[in-house]
Amino acid sequence: LTALREIGDFAGSSAEFDAGALVGRCTYRDLIAGTMEVRTAQSLVLAHDTPVVSAKGLVGRVLRSEGHRHWLQLLTHAAAAVAVQTEDSLVHGLALGTGSNALTIAYVPRQAALERGALLVTSGGDGIYPPDIPAARVTRIRESDEPFLEVTAISTADLHATRIVLMLPEWAPAARGDLP
């Protein structure tokens, strides 16, 4: 009940998620592999790359969908990439999954004004995820000889405990006509 109330509050707080968002329940997760299985009450097929969020932030995207069962790639998956930015939109980067709870934030310029603890939200620049969804919190910033900072972050969504998710089929590339 707590998880349903939490996701209801989340969906209601954002008008863009309210219309067309589908509630799913996590039935299986493999955090090492970066995958999750979600089940829905209604039988449907979701488009590949349909974004998935929890009350605490971005979870990932749909890889495969069959009836009541949907398989997700988590944003921590080693092949996952999400365009992110700071809340004020001044610093942009690419959150890359590492296969663990940590994310690498790539392509942050050395001169960027980024601080530990900064919240990173989706920018929408990748064409998969809608803008302004909390995605990660910066945990470490280190300068290097490279033109970019070495930035590490953790997911804002508690992927170990996420039970209820919202799937956003209105934002899937196929729903917007981005795919041939």
Foldseek 3Di string as FASTA:
>chain_A
DVQVVLQVVQCVVDVLQVPQKFKWFWDDDDLLQQKTKTFGPFFDWFDWLFWKAGSQFGFAGWHGGGTGITMGRGCQHQQHWFWKAFPVRQWTFIWGHRSHQKTKTPDTFPPDPDDAQTWIWGCCVVQRDDTDTTFWGWHDWADDPDRHITTMTGGRDPNVPNTMMITHRCSGCVNVVVDD
